[in-house]
Amino acid sequence: MDWNRVEGNWKQFKGNVKEKWGKLTDDDLNVIEGRRDQLEGKLQERYGYAKDQVRKDVDDWFSKLK
């Protein structure tokens, strides 16, 4: 699976993202719209994670979707 599937089916993945990263608001999820760079940016903003940590967390989450 590639990230395009997440973008194309964002409404289906929103619940999963909210479950994993509960600090993200519904407004955040609407802004993200499935774009990985937006997701990583919002995670950095909400959680204060470093860029490399965010990338690893998103990679881990994404690999579990497959």
N, C-alpha and C. Protein backbone atom coordinates (compact mmCIF):
# COMPACT_ATOMS: atom_id res chain seq x y z
N MET A 1 0.85 -1.18 0.00
CA MET A 1 0.00 0.00 0.00
C MET A 1 0.89 1.24 0.00
N ASP A 2 0.46 2.23 -0.73
CA ASP A 2 1.22 3.47 -0.73
C ASP A 2 0.38 4.58 -0.09
N TRP A 3 1.03 5.70 0.15
CA TRP A 3 0.38 6.79 0.87
C TRP A 3 -0.82 7.35 0.10
N ASN A 4 -0.84 7.19 -1.21
CA ASN A 4 -1.97 7.69 -2.00
C ASN A 4 -3.28 7.06 -1.55
N ARG A 5 -3.21 5.84 -1.08
CA ARG A 5 -4.43 5.18 -0.58
C ARG A 5 -4.94 5.88 0.68
N VAL A 6 -4.02 6.31 1.54
CA VAL A 6 -4.42 7.05 2.74
C VAL A 6 -5.08 8.36 2.33
N GLU A 7 -4.46 9.07 1.40
CA GLU A 7 -5.02 10.34 0.93
C GLU A 7 -6.40 10.15 0.33
N GLY A 8 -6.54 9.14 -0.50
CA GLY A 8 -7.80 8.89 -1.18
C GLY A 8 -8.92 8.44 -0.27
N ASN A 9 -8.57 7.81 0.83
CA ASN A 9 -9.56 7.28 1.77
C ASN A 9 -9.43 7.93 3.14
N TRP A 10 -9.09 9.20 3.17
CA TRP A 10 -8.79 9.90 4.41
C TRP A 10 -9.93 9.80 5.42
N LYS A 11 -11.17 9.90 4.96
CA LYS A 11 -12.30 9.83 5.88
C LYS A 11 -12.30 8.52 6.65
N GLN A 12 -11.90 7.44 6.01
CA GLN A 12 -11.85 6.14 6.66
C GLN A 12 -10.69 6.05 7.65
N PHE A 13 -9.60 6.74 7.37
CA PHE A 13 -8.41 6.66 8.22
C PHE A 13 -8.44 7.66 9.37
N LYS A 14 -9.30 8.66 9.30
CA LYS A 14 -9.33 9.70 10.33
C LYS A 14 -9.53 9.13 11.72
N GLY A 15 -10.43 8.18 11.88
CA GLY A 15 -10.68 7.58 13.19
C GLY A 15 -9.46 6.87 13.73
N ASN A 16 -8.76 6.18 12.85
CA ASN A 16 -7.55 5.48 13.24
C ASN A 16 -6.47 6.46 13.68
N VAL A 17 -6.35 7.56 12.97
CA VAL A 17 -5.36 8.60 13.32
C VAL A 17 -5.73 9.23 14.66
N LYS A 18 -7.01 9.52 14.84
CA LYS A 18 -7.48 10.15 16.09
C LYS A 18 -7.24 9.21 17.27
N GLU A 19 -7.42 7.92 17.05
CA GLU A 19 -7.18 6.93 18.10
C GLU A 19 -5.70 6.88 18.48
N LYS A 20 -4.84 6.96 17.50
CA LYS A 20 -3.39 6.89 17.73
C LYS A 20 -2.86 8.19 18.33
N TRP A 21 -3.31 9.32 17.77
CA TRP A 21 -2.81 10.62 18.21
C TRP A 21 -4.00 11.47 18.66
N GLY A 22 -4.44 11.25 19.89
CA GLY A 22 -5.64 11.88 20.43
C GLY A 22 -5.58 13.39 20.58
N LYS A 23 -4.40 13.97 20.55
CA LYS A 23 -4.29 15.43 20.68
C LYS A 23 -4.67 16.16 19.40
N LEU A 24 -4.77 15.43 18.30
CA LEU A 24 -5.18 16.05 17.05
C LEU A 24 -6.68 16.32 17.09
N THR A 25 -7.06 17.52 16.74
CA THR A 25 -8.47 17.88 16.75
C THR A 25 -9.12 17.52 15.42
N ASP A 26 -10.44 17.57 15.39
CA ASP A 26 -11.16 17.34 14.14
C ASP A 26 -10.76 18.38 13.10
N ASP A 27 -10.56 19.61 13.54
CA ASP A 27 -10.10 20.65 12.62
C ASP A 27 -8.72 20.31 12.05
N ASP A 28 -7.82 19.79 12.90
CA ASP A 28 -6.50 19.36 12.42
C ASP A 28 -6.66 18.30 11.33
N LEU A 29 -7.51 17.33 11.59
CA LEU A 29 -7.70 16.23 10.65
C LEU A 29 -8.28 16.73 9.33
N ASN A 30 -9.15 17.73 9.40
CA ASN A 30 -9.70 18.31 8.17
C ASN A 30 -8.64 19.06 7.38
N VAL A 31 -7.74 19.73 8.07
CA VAL A 31 -6.65 20.45 7.40
C VAL A 31 -5.67 19.46 6.78
N ILE A 32 -5.38 18.38 7.47
CA ILE A 32 -4.41 17.39 7.00
C ILE A 32 -4.86 16.76 5.69
N GLU A 33 -6.14 16.40 5.59
CA GLU A 33 -6.72 15.83 4.38
C GLU A 33 -5.90 14.68 3.81
N GLY A 34 -5.25 13.91 4.65
CA GLY A 34 -4.51 12.75 4.19
C GLY A 34 -3.10 13.02 3.72
N ARG A 35 -2.68 14.27 3.74
CA ARG A 35 -1.32 14.60 3.28
C ARG A 35 -0.33 14.31 4.39
N ARG A 36 0.64 13.51 4.06
CA ARG A 36 1.63 13.09 5.05
C ARG A 36 2.40 14.26 5.66
N ASP A 37 2.81 15.20 4.83
CA ASP A 37 3.58 16.33 5.34
C ASP A 37 2.75 17.15 6.33
N GLN A 38 1.46 17.29 6.06
CA GLN A 38 0.58 18.01 6.98
C GLN A 38 0.40 17.24 8.29
N LEU A 39 0.26 15.92 8.18
CA LEU A 39 0.14 15.09 9.38
C LEU A 39 1.38 15.21 10.24
N GLU A 40 2.54 15.11 9.63
CA GLU A 40 3.79 15.21 10.38
C GLU A 40 3.93 16.58 11.03
N GLY A 41 3.56 17.62 10.31
CA GLY A 41 3.64 18.97 10.85
C GLY A 41 2.73 19.17 12.05
N LYS A 42 1.51 18.68 11.96
CA LYS A 42 0.56 18.80 13.07
C LYS A 42 1.02 17.99 14.27
N LEU A 43 1.60 16.84 14.03
CA LEU A 43 2.11 16.02 15.15
C LEU A 43 3.26 16.74 15.85
N GLN A 44 4.14 17.37 15.08
CA GLN A 44 5.22 18.14 15.68
C GLN A 44 4.66 19.28 16.52
N GLU A 45 3.65 19.93 15.99
CA GLU A 45 3.04 21.08 16.67
C GLU A 45 2.34 20.65 17.97
N ARG A 46 1.53 19.60 17.90
CA ARG A 46 0.74 19.18 19.06
C ARG A 46 1.55 18.44 20.13
N TYR A 47 2.51 17.63 19.68
CA TYR A 47 3.25 16.79 20.62
C TYR A 47 4.65 17.29 20.92
N GLY A 48 5.15 18.22 20.13
CA GLY A 48 6.49 18.74 20.35
C GLY A 48 7.59 17.75 19.98
N TYR A 49 7.26 16.81 19.11
CA TYR A 49 8.24 15.81 18.67
C TYR A 49 9.21 16.42 17.67
N ALA A 50 10.41 15.85 17.65
CA ALA A 50 11.39 16.21 16.61
C ALA A 50 10.94 15.59 15.29
N LYS A 51 11.41 16.18 14.21
CA LYS A 51 11.00 15.74 12.87
C LYS A 51 11.29 14.26 12.62
N ASP A 52 12.46 13.79 13.05
CA ASP A 52 12.80 12.38 12.82
C ASP A 52 11.91 11.45 13.65
N GLN A 53 11.51 11.87 14.84
CA GLN A 53 10.62 11.06 15.67
C GLN A 53 9.22 10.98 15.04
N VAL A 54 8.75 12.09 14.52
CA VAL A 54 7.44 12.11 13.86
C VAL A 54 7.45 11.19 12.66
N ARG A 55 8.50 11.28 11.85
CA ARG A 55 8.60 10.43 10.65
C ARG A 55 8.57 8.96 11.03
N LYS A 56 9.29 8.59 12.09
CA LYS A 56 9.31 7.20 12.54
C LYS A 56 7.93 6.76 13.03
N ASP A 57 7.28 7.60 13.81
CA ASP A 57 5.95 7.27 14.33
C ASP A 57 4.94 7.08 13.19
N VAL A 58 4.99 7.97 12.21
CA VAL A 58 4.07 7.85 11.07
C VAL A 58 4.40 6.60 10.26
N ASP A 59 5.68 6.32 10.06
CA ASP A 59 6.08 5.09 9.35
C ASP A 59 5.57 3.85 10.07
N ASP A 60 5.71 3.83 11.40
CA ASP A 60 5.24 2.69 12.19
C ASP A 60 3.73 2.52 12.06
N TRP A 61 3.00 3.63 12.19
CA TRP A 61 1.54 3.59 12.05
C TRP A 61 1.14 3.09 10.66
N PHE A 62 1.80 3.64 9.64
CA PHE A 62 1.48 3.30 8.26
C PHE A 62 1.76 1.82 7.99
N SER A 63 2.86 1.30 8.52
CA SER A 63 3.21 -0.11 8.27
C SER A 63 2.19 -1.05 8.89
N LYS A 64 1.55 -0.64 9.96
CA LYS A 64 0.53 -1.47 10.61
C LYS A 64 -0.79 -1.48 9.84
N LEU A 65 -0.96 -0.52 8.93
CA LEU A 65 -2.17 -0.48 8.12
C LEU A 65 -2.14 -1.51 7.00
N LYS A 66 -0.97 -1.91 6.62
CA LYS A 66 -0.82 -2.82 5.47
C LYS A 66 -1.34 -4.19 5.76
